[in-house]
N, C-alpha and C. Protein backbone atom coordinates (compact mmCIF):
# COMPACT_ATOMS: atom_id res chain seq x y z
N MET A 1 62.88 -61.45 -143.08
CA MET A 1 63.63 -62.40 -142.94
C MET A 1 64.36 -61.85 -141.38
N ASP A 2 64.67 -60.70 -141.46
CA ASP A 2 65.42 -59.73 -140.49
C ASP A 2 64.27 -60.18 -139.20
N SER A 3 62.92 -59.90 -139.50
CA SER A 3 62.42 -59.77 -138.58
C SER A 3 62.02 -61.23 -137.63
N VAL A 4 61.94 -62.49 -138.80
CA VAL A 4 61.73 -63.35 -138.42
C VAL A 4 62.98 -63.86 -137.46
N SER A 5 64.21 -63.48 -137.48
CA SER A 5 65.38 -64.10 -137.27
C SER A 5 65.14 -63.06 -135.42
N PHE A 6 64.85 -61.69 -135.47
CA PHE A 6 64.81 -61.26 -134.23
C PHE A 6 63.73 -61.62 -133.51
N ILE A 7 62.70 -62.13 -133.67
CA ILE A 7 61.49 -62.77 -132.88
C ILE A 7 62.11 -64.37 -132.54
N GLN A 8 62.98 -65.02 -133.68
CA GLN A 8 63.49 -66.11 -132.74
C GLN A 8 64.46 -65.91 -131.75
N ALA A 9 65.18 -64.84 -132.10
CA ALA A 9 66.24 -64.67 -131.26
C ALA A 9 65.89 -63.82 -129.41
N PHE A 10 64.62 -63.42 -129.49
CA PHE A 10 64.01 -62.95 -129.02
C PHE A 10 63.12 -64.19 -128.10
N LEU A 11 62.24 -65.15 -128.78
CA LEU A 11 62.19 -66.05 -127.80
C LEU A 11 63.45 -66.72 -127.41
N VAL A 12 64.66 -66.92 -128.20
CA VAL A 12 65.22 -67.79 -127.26
C VAL A 12 65.97 -67.09 -126.22
N VAL A 13 66.02 -65.97 -126.22
CA VAL A 13 66.25 -65.00 -124.61
C VAL A 13 65.52 -65.37 -123.91
N LEU A 14 64.46 -64.99 -124.45
CA LEU A 14 63.25 -65.25 -123.34
C LEU A 14 63.30 -66.54 -122.61
N MET A 15 62.95 -67.90 -123.47
CA MET A 15 63.44 -69.19 -122.76
C MET A 15 64.61 -69.06 -122.08
N MET A 16 65.60 -68.57 -122.18
CA MET A 16 67.19 -68.64 -121.28
C MET A 16 66.62 -67.85 -120.22
N VAL A 17 66.09 -66.73 -120.26
CA VAL A 17 65.57 -66.03 -118.99
C VAL A 17 64.52 -66.81 -118.11
N THR A 18 63.71 -67.74 -118.79
CA THR A 18 62.58 -68.23 -118.15
C THR A 18 63.45 -69.16 -116.91
N GLY A 19 64.14 -70.34 -117.96
CA GLY A 19 65.13 -71.03 -117.14
C GLY A 19 65.79 -70.36 -116.48
N CYS A 20 66.50 -69.40 -116.56
CA CYS A 20 67.12 -69.04 -115.13
C CYS A 20 66.54 -68.95 -114.42
N VAL A 21 65.14 -68.24 -114.74
CA VAL A 21 64.30 -67.76 -113.36
C VAL A 21 64.37 -69.15 -112.82
N VAL A 22 63.41 -70.02 -113.19
CA VAL A 22 62.78 -71.64 -112.85
C VAL A 22 63.83 -71.94 -111.90
N ILE A 23 65.15 -72.31 -112.35
CA ILE A 23 66.13 -72.68 -111.60
C ILE A 23 66.81 -72.29 -110.71
N GLY A 24 66.51 -71.38 -110.42
CA GLY A 24 66.86 -69.90 -109.54
C GLY A 24 65.56 -70.12 -108.05
N ILE A 25 64.52 -70.37 -108.77
CA ILE A 25 63.97 -70.57 -107.75
C ILE A 25 63.58 -72.20 -107.76
N ALA A 26 64.12 -72.75 -108.28
CA ALA A 26 63.79 -74.46 -107.40
C ALA A 26 65.00 -74.57 -106.30
N THR A 27 66.51 -73.82 -106.68
CA THR A 27 67.45 -73.69 -105.76
C THR A 27 67.43 -73.15 -104.63
N GLY A 28 67.09 -71.94 -105.03
CA GLY A 28 67.21 -70.72 -104.17
C GLY A 28 66.08 -70.50 -103.26
N TYR A 29 64.78 -71.33 -102.99
CA TYR A 29 63.78 -71.36 -102.09
C TYR A 29 64.69 -72.07 -101.10
N PRO A 30 65.40 -73.27 -101.36
CA PRO A 30 65.45 -74.22 -100.22
C PRO A 30 66.82 -73.76 -99.54
N ALA A 31 67.49 -73.15 -100.51
CA ALA A 31 68.92 -72.89 -100.02
C ALA A 31 68.54 -71.32 -98.94
N ALA A 32 67.57 -70.50 -99.13
CA ALA A 32 67.11 -69.76 -98.04
C ALA A 32 66.75 -69.98 -97.29
N HIS A 33 66.06 -71.43 -96.92
CA HIS A 33 65.53 -72.09 -95.65
C HIS A 33 66.46 -72.11 -95.11
N TRP A 34 67.92 -73.05 -95.29
CA TRP A 34 68.59 -73.21 -94.79
C TRP A 34 69.69 -72.55 -94.50
N ILE A 35 69.79 -71.06 -95.17
CA ILE A 35 70.91 -70.25 -94.64
C ILE A 35 69.98 -69.14 -93.14
N GLY A 36 68.64 -69.47 -94.00
CA GLY A 36 67.93 -68.77 -92.48
C GLY A 36 67.84 -69.38 -91.38
N ARG A 37 67.88 -70.76 -91.44
CA ARG A 37 67.85 -71.76 -90.30
C ARG A 37 69.95 -71.09 -89.58
N LYS A 38 70.16 -71.75 -90.39
CA LYS A 38 71.98 -71.40 -90.23
C LYS A 38 71.94 -69.78 -88.83
N PHE A 39 71.35 -68.95 -89.99
CA PHE A 39 71.14 -67.51 -89.14
C PHE A 39 70.93 -67.56 -87.60
N ALA A 40 69.45 -68.26 -88.05
CA ALA A 40 68.74 -68.33 -86.61
C ALA A 40 69.47 -68.80 -85.85
N GLU A 41 70.25 -69.79 -85.81
CA GLU A 41 70.76 -70.64 -84.85
C GLU A 41 72.29 -69.74 -84.48
N LEU A 42 72.37 -69.36 -85.29
CA LEU A 42 73.82 -68.57 -84.67
C LEU A 42 73.37 -67.14 -84.11
N LEU A 43 72.52 -66.74 -84.23
CA LEU A 43 71.42 -65.21 -83.94
C LEU A 43 70.99 -65.81 -82.60
N SER A 44 70.63 -66.51 -82.36
CA SER A 44 69.55 -66.39 -81.32
C SER A 44 70.00 -67.91 -80.40
N CYS A 45 69.57 -67.67 -79.35
CA CYS A 45 69.99 -68.16 -77.97
C CYS A 45 68.33 -69.29 -77.70
N LEU A 46 67.16 -68.64 -78.28
CA LEU A 46 66.29 -69.37 -77.91
C LEU A 46 66.27 -71.04 -78.27
N PRO A 47 65.54 -71.95 -77.62
CA PRO A 47 64.99 -73.19 -78.19
C PRO A 47 64.76 -73.17 -79.24
N THR A 48 65.04 -74.55 -80.14
CA THR A 48 64.45 -74.31 -81.23
C THR A 48 63.43 -75.74 -81.10
N GLU A 49 63.43 -76.59 -79.90
CA GLU A 49 62.61 -77.60 -79.29
C GLU A 49 60.78 -77.47 -79.59
N LYS A 50 60.27 -77.92 -79.56
CA LYS A 50 58.91 -77.91 -79.88
C LYS A 50 58.14 -79.13 -78.83
N PHE A 51 57.40 -78.18 -78.24
CA PHE A 51 57.06 -79.67 -77.11
C PHE A 51 55.11 -79.40 -77.49
N ALA A 52 54.55 -80.52 -77.03
CA ALA A 52 53.23 -80.86 -77.32
C ALA A 52 52.70 -80.72 -76.25
N LYS A 53 53.18 -80.17 -74.74
CA LYS A 53 52.54 -79.84 -74.02
C LYS A 53 53.98 -78.94 -73.14
N ALA A 54 53.26 -77.99 -72.66
CA ALA A 54 54.13 -76.93 -71.77
C ALA A 54 55.20 -77.76 -70.51
N GLN A 55 56.16 -77.10 -70.42
CA GLN A 55 56.92 -77.43 -69.93
C GLN A 55 56.93 -76.64 -68.16
N PRO A 56 57.48 -77.45 -67.54
CA PRO A 56 56.65 -77.28 -65.87
C PRO A 56 57.79 -75.73 -65.77
N ALA A 57 56.65 -75.02 -64.77
CA ALA A 57 57.68 -73.55 -64.22
C ALA A 57 58.41 -73.59 -63.20
N TYR A 58 59.44 -73.78 -63.17
CA TYR A 58 60.01 -74.36 -61.97
C TYR A 58 60.57 -72.68 -61.10
N GLY A 59 60.60 -72.13 -62.05
CA GLY A 59 60.98 -70.55 -61.01
C GLY A 59 60.35 -70.36 -60.00
N ILE A 60 59.04 -69.69 -60.07
CA ILE A 60 57.59 -69.78 -58.96
C ILE A 60 58.33 -70.48 -57.89
N PRO A 61 58.48 -71.83 -57.59
CA PRO A 61 58.68 -72.62 -56.22
C PRO A 61 60.25 -72.78 -56.03
N ALA A 62 60.69 -72.40 -57.00
CA ALA A 62 62.35 -72.38 -56.67
C ALA A 62 62.45 -70.97 -56.24
N SER A 63 61.63 -69.77 -56.43
CA SER A 63 62.36 -68.33 -56.07
C SER A 63 61.72 -68.68 -54.55
N LYS A 64 60.69 -69.03 -54.62
CA LYS A 64 59.85 -69.38 -53.21
C LYS A 64 61.23 -69.96 -51.34
N ALA A 65 61.67 -70.88 -52.43
CA ALA A 65 62.78 -71.83 -52.02
C ALA A 65 63.93 -71.02 -51.78
N ILE A 66 64.28 -70.47 -52.54
CA ILE A 66 65.57 -69.58 -52.25
C ILE A 66 65.33 -68.19 -50.89
N ARG A 67 63.89 -67.98 -51.28
CA ARG A 67 63.76 -66.46 -50.01
C ARG A 67 63.36 -67.32 -48.58
N GLY A 68 63.23 -68.44 -48.81
CA GLY A 68 63.15 -69.20 -47.66
C GLY A 68 61.48 -69.43 -47.06
N ASP A 69 60.72 -69.47 -48.21
CA ASP A 69 59.38 -69.57 -48.34
C ASP A 69 59.32 -71.10 -48.34
N LEU A 70 59.47 -71.61 -47.81
CA LEU A 70 59.12 -73.40 -48.15
C LEU A 70 58.31 -74.23 -47.95
N GLU A 71 56.87 -73.73 -47.22
CA GLU A 71 55.78 -74.43 -47.68
C GLU A 71 55.32 -73.63 -48.78
N GLY A 72 54.97 -72.26 -49.28
CA GLY A 72 54.68 -71.80 -50.53
C GLY A 72 55.50 -72.98 -51.22
N ALA A 73 56.76 -72.65 -51.46
CA ALA A 73 57.24 -73.48 -52.67
C ALA A 73 57.39 -75.15 -52.97
N MET A 74 56.65 -75.79 -51.58
CA MET A 74 56.16 -77.10 -51.73
C MET A 74 54.85 -77.27 -52.40
N GLU A 75 53.89 -76.05 -51.64
CA GLU A 75 52.94 -75.72 -52.49
C GLU A 75 52.31 -75.83 -54.11
N SER A 76 53.55 -75.02 -54.23
CA SER A 76 54.03 -74.80 -55.42
C SER A 76 54.28 -75.92 -56.38
N TYR A 77 54.76 -76.70 -55.92
CA TYR A 77 55.61 -78.22 -56.46
C TYR A 77 54.56 -79.08 -56.68
N GLU A 78 53.92 -79.00 -55.66
CA GLU A 78 52.40 -79.83 -55.35
C GLU A 78 51.59 -79.72 -56.62
N GLN A 79 51.48 -78.07 -57.25
CA GLN A 79 50.68 -77.97 -58.09
C GLN A 79 51.29 -78.39 -59.77
N LEU A 80 52.44 -78.20 -59.16
CA LEU A 80 53.48 -78.81 -60.87
C LEU A 80 53.07 -80.17 -60.85
N LEU A 81 53.20 -80.93 -59.97
CA LEU A 81 52.90 -82.02 -60.23
C LEU A 81 51.56 -82.83 -60.53
N LEU A 82 50.75 -81.84 -60.62
CA LEU A 82 48.77 -82.50 -60.86
C LEU A 82 49.16 -82.24 -62.30
N ASP A 83 50.17 -81.05 -62.80
CA ASP A 83 50.13 -81.36 -64.70
C ASP A 83 51.07 -82.22 -64.91
N HIS A 84 52.30 -82.47 -64.26
CA HIS A 84 53.59 -83.31 -64.97
C HIS A 84 53.73 -84.43 -63.58
N PRO A 85 52.90 -84.95 -63.65
CA PRO A 85 53.33 -86.56 -62.11
C PRO A 85 54.57 -87.43 -62.89
N GLN A 86 54.69 -86.98 -64.08
CA GLN A 86 56.19 -87.66 -64.47
C GLN A 86 56.85 -87.29 -64.48
N GLU A 87 57.28 -85.79 -63.66
CA GLU A 87 59.01 -85.08 -64.13
C GLU A 87 59.53 -85.35 -63.05
N LYS A 88 60.90 -85.78 -63.24
CA LYS A 88 61.72 -86.23 -62.31
C LYS A 88 62.50 -85.12 -61.18
N GLN A 89 62.44 -84.36 -62.15
CA GLN A 89 62.82 -82.72 -61.19
C GLN A 89 62.09 -82.10 -60.91
N ILE A 90 61.19 -82.07 -60.58
CA ILE A 90 59.55 -81.51 -59.41
C ILE A 90 60.03 -82.68 -58.03
N TYR A 91 60.16 -83.99 -58.15
CA TYR A 91 60.52 -84.88 -56.99
C TYR A 91 61.71 -84.35 -56.36
N LEU A 92 62.39 -84.55 -57.12
CA LEU A 92 64.10 -83.95 -56.59
C LEU A 92 64.25 -82.86 -55.86
N ARG A 93 63.42 -82.29 -56.71
CA ARG A 93 63.66 -80.30 -55.64
C ARG A 93 62.33 -80.62 -54.66
N MET A 94 61.89 -81.29 -54.54
CA MET A 94 60.56 -81.25 -53.41
C MET A 94 61.43 -82.35 -52.10
N LEU A 95 62.09 -82.99 -52.74
CA LEU A 95 63.14 -83.73 -51.54
C LEU A 95 64.49 -83.29 -50.84
N GLU A 96 64.58 -82.17 -51.45
CA GLU A 96 65.64 -81.20 -51.24
C GLU A 96 65.43 -80.55 -50.21
N ILE A 97 64.06 -80.10 -50.43
CA ILE A 97 63.48 -79.03 -49.59
C ILE A 97 62.69 -80.04 -48.34
N ALA A 98 62.11 -81.14 -48.03
CA ALA A 98 61.34 -81.91 -47.24
C ALA A 98 62.80 -82.31 -46.35
N PHE A 99 63.65 -83.22 -46.83
CA PHE A 99 64.54 -83.52 -45.88
C PHE A 99 65.46 -82.72 -45.48
N GLY A 100 66.12 -81.57 -46.34
CA GLY A 100 66.60 -80.58 -46.00
C GLY A 100 65.88 -79.50 -45.06
N PRO A 101 66.11 -78.53 -45.61
CA PRO A 101 65.78 -77.33 -44.28
C PRO A 101 63.99 -77.25 -43.57
N LEU A 102 63.29 -77.88 -44.65
CA LEU A 102 62.37 -78.21 -43.96
C LEU A 102 61.59 -79.36 -42.81
N HIS A 103 63.17 -80.29 -42.71
CA HIS A 103 62.90 -80.98 -41.54
C HIS A 103 61.63 -81.66 -41.01
N ALA A 104 60.73 -82.38 -42.57
CA ALA A 104 60.20 -83.25 -42.42
C ALA A 104 59.83 -84.95 -43.10
N PRO A 105 60.77 -85.73 -42.26
CA PRO A 105 61.14 -86.83 -43.35
C PRO A 105 59.85 -87.36 -43.38
N GLU A 106 58.85 -87.20 -42.78
CA GLU A 106 57.37 -87.86 -43.26
C GLU A 106 57.38 -87.70 -44.56
N TYR A 107 56.88 -86.42 -44.55
CA TYR A 107 56.73 -85.73 -45.46
C TYR A 107 57.57 -85.80 -47.00
N GLY A 108 58.79 -86.24 -46.34
CA GLY A 108 59.77 -86.72 -47.86
C GLY A 108 59.86 -88.35 -47.91
N GLU A 109 59.37 -88.96 -46.99
CA GLU A 109 59.33 -89.88 -47.70
C GLU A 109 57.99 -90.34 -48.14
N ASP A 110 56.84 -89.63 -47.92
CA ASP A 110 55.73 -89.79 -49.32
C ASP A 110 56.19 -88.85 -50.62
N ILE A 111 57.03 -88.01 -50.85
CA ILE A 111 57.25 -87.83 -51.93
C ILE A 111 58.08 -88.51 -52.50
N LEU A 112 59.20 -89.41 -52.05
CA LEU A 112 59.52 -90.41 -51.91
C LEU A 112 58.83 -91.82 -52.57
N GLN A 113 57.92 -91.65 -52.10
CA GLN A 113 57.10 -92.99 -52.39
C GLN A 113 56.19 -92.56 -54.05
N ARG A 114 56.14 -91.39 -53.96
CA ARG A 114 55.11 -90.93 -55.04
C ARG A 114 55.64 -90.84 -56.27
N GLY A 115 57.20 -90.40 -55.92
CA GLY A 115 57.66 -90.63 -57.21
C GLY A 115 58.68 -91.60 -58.04
N LEU A 116 58.74 -92.91 -56.76
CA LEU A 116 58.79 -94.06 -57.09
C LEU A 116 57.79 -94.37 -57.76
N LYS A 117 56.75 -94.38 -57.75
CA LYS A 117 55.75 -94.69 -58.00
C LYS A 117 55.43 -94.51 -59.48
N ASN A 118 55.63 -93.34 -59.83
CA ASN A 118 54.97 -92.22 -60.96
C ASN A 118 56.16 -92.44 -61.67
N LEU A 119 57.36 -92.44 -61.42
CA LEU A 119 58.30 -92.14 -62.61
C LEU A 119 58.33 -93.83 -63.31
N THR A 120 58.75 -93.40 -64.31
CA THR A 120 58.38 -94.58 -65.33
C THR A 120 60.02 -95.49 -65.73
N GLY A 121 61.40 -94.34 -65.65
CA GLY A 121 62.47 -94.59 -65.75
C GLY A 121 63.10 -95.37 -65.24
N GLU A 122 63.84 -96.45 -64.77
CA GLU A 122 64.79 -96.68 -63.70
C GLU A 122 65.68 -95.97 -63.18
N ALA A 123 66.44 -95.26 -64.33
CA ALA A 123 67.39 -94.62 -63.72
C ALA A 123 66.83 -93.24 -63.12
N ASP A 124 65.52 -92.59 -63.46
CA ASP A 124 65.30 -91.28 -62.75
C ASP A 124 64.42 -92.25 -61.32
N ARG A 125 63.95 -93.42 -61.26
CA ARG A 125 64.27 -93.83 -59.86
C ARG A 125 64.82 -94.07 -59.22
N ALA A 126 66.17 -94.56 -59.51
CA ALA A 126 67.26 -94.57 -58.68
C ALA A 126 67.96 -93.03 -58.37
N ALA A 127 68.00 -92.14 -59.31
CA ALA A 127 68.41 -90.94 -59.00
C ALA A 127 67.71 -90.68 -57.61
N LEU A 128 66.33 -90.54 -57.64
CA LEU A 128 65.46 -90.35 -56.42
C LEU A 128 65.67 -90.83 -55.15
N TYR A 129 65.78 -92.12 -55.35
CA TYR A 129 66.25 -92.95 -54.75
C TYR A 129 67.95 -92.61 -54.04
N HIS A 130 68.80 -92.29 -54.50
CA HIS A 130 70.43 -91.97 -53.81
C HIS A 130 69.76 -90.55 -53.08
N LEU A 131 69.77 -89.23 -53.98
CA LEU A 131 69.12 -88.63 -53.22
C LEU A 131 68.70 -88.57 -52.02
N SER A 132 67.49 -88.99 -51.40
CA SER A 132 66.87 -89.54 -50.75
C SER A 132 68.01 -89.98 -49.63
N LEU A 133 68.86 -90.56 -49.95
CA LEU A 133 70.03 -91.34 -49.16
C LEU A 133 70.97 -90.47 -48.62
N ALA A 134 71.15 -89.25 -50.15
CA ALA A 134 72.59 -88.44 -49.58
C ALA A 134 72.00 -87.54 -48.70
N ILE A 135 70.91 -86.93 -48.97
CA ILE A 135 70.82 -86.11 -47.97
C ILE A 135 70.05 -86.60 -46.20
N GLN A 136 69.52 -87.57 -46.34
CA GLN A 136 69.41 -88.53 -45.35
C GLN A 136 70.61 -88.74 -44.39
N ASN A 137 71.43 -89.16 -45.40
CA ASN A 137 72.86 -89.15 -44.54
C ASN A 137 73.31 -88.31 -44.59
N GLY A 138 73.56 -87.02 -44.61
CA GLY A 138 74.05 -85.99 -44.30
C GLY A 138 74.89 -85.60 -45.50
N GLU A 139 75.39 -86.35 -46.51
CA GLU A 139 76.70 -86.20 -47.71
C GLU A 139 76.39 -84.96 -48.20
N PHE A 140 74.92 -84.84 -48.63
CA PHE A 140 74.16 -83.48 -49.23
C PHE A 140 73.27 -82.74 -48.86
N THR A 141 73.72 -81.35 -48.29
CA THR A 141 73.07 -80.36 -47.52
C THR A 141 72.65 -79.21 -48.66
N PRO A 142 70.94 -79.52 -49.24
CA PRO A 142 70.32 -78.95 -49.86
C PRO A 142 69.88 -77.73 -48.85
N PHE A 143 70.22 -76.12 -49.72
CA PHE A 143 69.79 -75.03 -48.97
C PHE A 143 70.27 -74.35 -47.72
N LYS A 144 71.78 -75.17 -47.98
CA LYS A 144 72.05 -74.69 -46.67
C LYS A 144 72.57 -73.48 -46.32
N TYR A 145 72.66 -72.29 -47.16
CA TYR A 145 72.47 -70.98 -46.77
C TYR A 145 71.66 -70.48 -45.94
N LEU A 146 70.15 -70.93 -46.34
CA LEU A 146 69.62 -70.16 -45.23
C LEU A 146 69.82 -70.89 -43.43
N ASP A 147 69.66 -69.55 -42.70
CA ASP A 147 69.34 -69.23 -41.54
C ASP A 147 68.59 -69.78 -40.78
N HIS A 148 68.86 -69.75 -39.61
CA HIS A 148 67.78 -70.43 -38.61
C HIS A 148 66.62 -69.27 -38.35
N ALA A 149 66.91 -67.83 -38.62
CA ALA A 149 65.82 -66.70 -38.64
C ALA A 149 64.52 -67.04 -39.45
N GLN A 150 65.13 -68.24 -41.26
CA GLN A 150 64.16 -67.88 -41.89
C GLN A 150 63.72 -69.17 -41.98
N VAL A 151 63.86 -70.34 -41.39
CA VAL A 151 63.80 -71.59 -41.41
C VAL A 151 63.50 -72.15 -39.95
N ALA A 152 62.10 -72.47 -39.79
CA ALA A 152 61.93 -72.89 -38.24
C ALA A 152 62.48 -74.23 -38.01
N VAL A 153 63.66 -74.27 -37.00
CA VAL A 153 64.37 -75.57 -36.78
C VAL A 153 63.99 -76.51 -35.26
N PRO A 154 63.88 -77.58 -35.69
CA PRO A 154 63.53 -78.25 -34.28
C PRO A 154 64.26 -78.70 -33.67
N GLY A 155 64.02 -78.09 -31.93
CA GLY A 155 65.12 -78.53 -30.80
C GLY A 155 65.20 -77.72 -30.45
């Protein structure tokens, strides 16, 4: 009788331990993922967005424009437009250069028309149009830090 009660007690303890392990796994796995995400958000400055298509690399043309290589910047932006024809930011930056220090109103008008045709959102088209008006009216002067030695000014 003593051995039977020992075996029963052992089985009861084994089932309790097994139950605790199963409950621990069932609750611990989702809790670990939740806690891991919270720590990742806390410790990471990287974006958590996922894109099906790579976002445009604005850095290369922007650095060219900052250095005064306006033609090179426009070529780089044109390359970006091949892959991202509906990206408002590319058109905005191109308008800033064309109507601004490049002093190419015909080219700027061409960019504006392409942007108005390719952008789908009404707000995007309005932003593009208002930026072009602001630059042409002198309300906004992009790249005004570029001196005359870096940019060929007509006249």
